[in-house]
Amino acid sequence: MGQSTAPTNEHQGAPLFYSEEETAALLGIHRTTLRTLALAGTSPVEPIRLTQHKRVYRRIDVQRLAGLEK
């Protein structure tokens, strides 16, 4: 007794979005570089604009590009 039989999800509790800083760190580039690419429309991951100066990136897109997920 005491053991759970519920299926586990490796992403359970993981955020759906990463900040610009988190995305840049996972991709191995500087935050400023990522921002510059996003503003030019050439970012390797499509940003989601929250405000004029704040962008987030979908976790699944970032992890795929970083090679963390298939």
N, C-alpha and C. Protein backbone atom coordinates (compact mmCIF):
# COMPACT_ATOMS: atom_id res chain seq x y z
N MET A 1 0.82 -1.19 0.00
CA MET A 1 0.00 0.00 0.00
C MET A 1 0.86 1.24 0.00
N GLY A 2 0.23 2.36 -0.30
CA GLY A 2 0.97 3.61 -0.29
C GLY A 2 1.55 3.97 -1.64
N GLN A 3 1.55 3.00 -2.58
CA GLN A 3 2.08 3.30 -3.90
C GLN A 3 0.96 3.76 -4.81
N SER A 4 1.24 4.79 -5.58
CA SER A 4 0.25 5.33 -6.50
C SER A 4 0.29 4.56 -7.81
N THR A 5 -0.88 4.28 -8.36
CA THR A 5 -0.96 3.60 -9.66
C THR A 5 -1.30 4.58 -10.77
N ALA A 6 -1.37 5.85 -10.44
CA ALA A 6 -1.67 6.87 -11.45
C ALA A 6 -0.49 7.01 -12.41
N PRO A 7 -0.76 7.18 -13.71
CA PRO A 7 0.34 7.34 -14.66
C PRO A 7 1.12 8.62 -14.38
N THR A 8 2.40 8.53 -14.59
CA THR A 8 3.22 9.72 -14.36
C THR A 8 3.49 10.41 -15.68
N ASN A 9 3.64 11.70 -15.62
CA ASN A 9 3.92 12.50 -16.79
C ASN A 9 5.24 13.21 -16.54
N GLU A 10 6.22 12.99 -17.42
CA GLU A 10 7.53 13.60 -17.20
C GLU A 10 7.49 15.12 -17.23
N HIS A 11 6.45 15.71 -17.83
CA HIS A 11 6.33 17.16 -17.92
C HIS A 11 5.35 17.72 -16.89
N GLN A 12 4.85 16.86 -16.02
CA GLN A 12 3.89 17.31 -15.03
C GLN A 12 4.51 18.42 -14.19
N GLY A 13 3.83 19.53 -14.12
CA GLY A 13 4.34 20.67 -13.37
C GLY A 13 5.29 21.54 -14.17
N ALA A 14 5.64 21.12 -15.38
CA ALA A 14 6.53 21.93 -16.22
C ALA A 14 5.75 23.09 -16.81
N PRO A 15 6.40 24.23 -16.97
CA PRO A 15 5.70 25.39 -17.54
C PRO A 15 5.39 25.16 -19.02
N LEU A 16 4.33 25.78 -19.50
CA LEU A 16 3.98 25.69 -20.91
C LEU A 16 4.83 26.63 -21.76
N PHE A 17 5.34 27.69 -21.11
CA PHE A 17 6.12 28.69 -21.82
C PHE A 17 7.41 28.97 -21.08
N TYR A 18 8.43 29.35 -21.83
CA TYR A 18 9.69 29.80 -21.25
C TYR A 18 9.85 31.29 -21.51
N SER A 19 10.50 31.96 -20.58
CA SER A 19 10.80 33.38 -20.76
C SER A 19 11.91 33.51 -21.80
N GLU A 20 12.16 34.73 -22.19
CA GLU A 20 13.24 35.00 -23.14
C GLU A 20 14.58 34.55 -22.57
N GLU A 21 14.80 34.79 -21.29
CA GLU A 21 16.06 34.41 -20.65
C GLU A 21 16.21 32.89 -20.61
N GLU A 22 15.14 32.18 -20.24
CA GLU A 22 15.20 30.72 -20.16
C GLU A 22 15.41 30.11 -21.55
N THR A 23 14.72 30.65 -22.54
CA THR A 23 14.85 30.15 -23.91
C THR A 23 16.27 30.32 -24.42
N ALA A 24 16.82 31.50 -24.22
CA ALA A 24 18.19 31.77 -24.68
C ALA A 24 19.18 30.82 -24.00
N ALA A 25 19.02 30.60 -22.72
CA ALA A 25 19.92 29.71 -21.98
C ALA A 25 19.84 28.28 -22.52
N LEU A 26 18.62 27.80 -22.78
CA LEU A 26 18.46 26.45 -23.31
C LEU A 26 19.03 26.30 -24.72
N LEU A 27 18.96 27.37 -25.50
CA LEU A 27 19.48 27.32 -26.87
C LEU A 27 20.97 27.65 -26.95
N GLY A 28 21.54 28.10 -25.84
CA GLY A 28 22.97 28.39 -25.81
C GLY A 28 23.34 29.69 -26.50
N ILE A 29 22.41 30.64 -26.50
CA ILE A 29 22.69 31.96 -27.08
C ILE A 29 22.38 33.02 -26.04
N HIS A 30 22.84 34.23 -26.28
CA HIS A 30 22.59 35.33 -25.35
C HIS A 30 21.17 35.84 -25.52
N ARG A 31 20.61 36.30 -24.44
CA ARG A 31 19.24 36.83 -24.43
C ARG A 31 19.07 37.95 -25.44
N THR A 32 20.06 38.82 -25.56
CA THR A 32 20.00 39.93 -26.51
C THR A 32 19.97 39.42 -27.95
N THR A 33 20.71 38.37 -28.22
CA THR A 33 20.71 37.78 -29.57
C THR A 33 19.33 37.24 -29.90
N LEU A 34 18.73 36.53 -28.97
CA LEU A 34 17.38 35.98 -29.19
C LEU A 34 16.39 37.11 -29.43
N ARG A 35 16.48 38.17 -28.64
CA ARG A 35 15.57 39.31 -28.80
C ARG A 35 15.76 39.97 -30.17
N THR A 36 17.02 40.14 -30.59
CA THR A 36 17.31 40.74 -31.89
C THR A 36 16.74 39.89 -33.02
N LEU A 37 16.92 38.58 -32.93
CA LEU A 37 16.37 37.68 -33.95
C LEU A 37 14.84 37.73 -33.97
N ALA A 38 14.22 37.79 -32.80
CA ALA A 38 12.76 37.86 -32.72
C ALA A 38 12.24 39.15 -33.35
N LEU A 39 12.91 40.25 -33.08
CA LEU A 39 12.48 41.54 -33.64
C LEU A 39 12.66 41.57 -35.16
N ALA A 40 13.66 40.85 -35.66
CA ALA A 40 13.92 40.80 -37.10
C ALA A 40 13.04 39.76 -37.80
N GLY A 41 12.33 38.96 -37.00
CA GLY A 41 11.49 37.92 -37.58
C GLY A 41 12.24 36.69 -38.00
N THR A 42 13.47 36.51 -37.49
CA THR A 42 14.29 35.37 -37.87
C THR A 42 14.65 34.48 -36.68
N SER A 43 13.88 34.58 -35.62
CA SER A 43 14.13 33.77 -34.43
C SER A 43 13.97 32.29 -34.75
N PRO A 44 14.84 31.43 -34.19
CA PRO A 44 14.72 29.99 -34.45
C PRO A 44 13.46 29.39 -33.83
N VAL A 45 12.87 30.09 -32.89
CA VAL A 45 11.63 29.66 -32.24
C VAL A 45 10.68 30.85 -32.29
N GLU A 46 9.44 30.59 -32.70
CA GLU A 46 8.48 31.70 -32.83
C GLU A 46 8.09 32.27 -31.47
N PRO A 47 8.30 33.56 -31.27
CA PRO A 47 7.93 34.17 -30.00
C PRO A 47 6.44 34.49 -29.94
N ILE A 48 5.94 34.54 -28.72
CA ILE A 48 4.57 34.98 -28.48
C ILE A 48 4.69 36.30 -27.72
N ARG A 49 4.23 37.37 -28.34
CA ARG A 49 4.35 38.69 -27.71
C ARG A 49 3.26 38.89 -26.67
N LEU A 50 3.67 39.18 -25.45
CA LEU A 50 2.73 39.49 -24.39
C LEU A 50 2.50 41.00 -24.31
N THR A 51 3.59 41.73 -24.45
CA THR A 51 3.53 43.19 -24.49
C THR A 51 4.56 43.62 -25.54
N GLN A 52 4.72 44.90 -25.69
CA GLN A 52 5.68 45.40 -26.67
C GLN A 52 7.11 44.92 -26.37
N HIS A 53 7.41 44.73 -25.09
CA HIS A 53 8.78 44.39 -24.71
C HIS A 53 8.92 43.00 -24.08
N LYS A 54 7.86 42.25 -23.97
CA LYS A 54 7.92 40.94 -23.32
C LYS A 54 7.43 39.85 -24.26
N ARG A 55 8.28 38.83 -24.42
CA ARG A 55 7.94 37.69 -25.26
C ARG A 55 8.16 36.40 -24.47
N VAL A 56 7.37 35.39 -24.78
CA VAL A 56 7.57 34.06 -24.24
C VAL A 56 7.63 33.09 -25.41
N TYR A 57 8.12 31.89 -25.12
CA TYR A 57 8.31 30.88 -26.15
C TYR A 57 7.70 29.57 -25.67
N ARG A 58 7.02 28.85 -26.57
CA ARG A 58 6.39 27.59 -26.19
C ARG A 58 7.45 26.57 -25.79
N ARG A 59 7.23 25.93 -24.65
CA ARG A 59 8.17 24.95 -24.11
C ARG A 59 8.48 23.85 -25.13
N ILE A 60 7.46 23.31 -25.75
CA ILE A 60 7.65 22.20 -26.68
C ILE A 60 8.54 22.60 -27.85
N ASP A 61 8.36 23.82 -28.38
CA ASP A 61 9.19 24.30 -29.50
C ASP A 61 10.65 24.45 -29.08
N VAL A 62 10.85 25.03 -27.91
CA VAL A 62 12.21 25.27 -27.42
C VAL A 62 12.91 23.95 -27.14
N GLN A 63 12.22 23.02 -26.51
CA GLN A 63 12.85 21.74 -26.18
C GLN A 63 13.17 20.93 -27.43
N ARG A 64 12.31 20.99 -28.43
CA ARG A 64 12.60 20.29 -29.69
C ARG A 64 13.84 20.88 -30.37
N LEU A 65 13.90 22.20 -30.42
CA LEU A 65 15.04 22.86 -31.06
C LEU A 65 16.33 22.59 -30.28
N ALA A 66 16.23 22.55 -28.96
CA ALA A 66 17.40 22.32 -28.13
C ALA A 66 17.80 20.84 -28.10
N GLY A 67 16.98 19.98 -28.71
CA GLY A 67 17.27 18.56 -28.73
C GLY A 67 16.93 17.83 -27.46
N LEU A 68 16.07 18.44 -26.65
CA LEU A 68 15.68 17.83 -25.39
C LEU A 68 14.46 16.95 -25.53
N GLU A 69 13.74 17.09 -26.64
CA GLU A 69 12.52 16.33 -26.87
C GLU A 69 12.38 16.04 -28.34
N LYS A 70 11.76 14.92 -28.63
CA LYS A 70 11.59 14.53 -30.04
C LYS A 70 10.23 14.91 -30.56
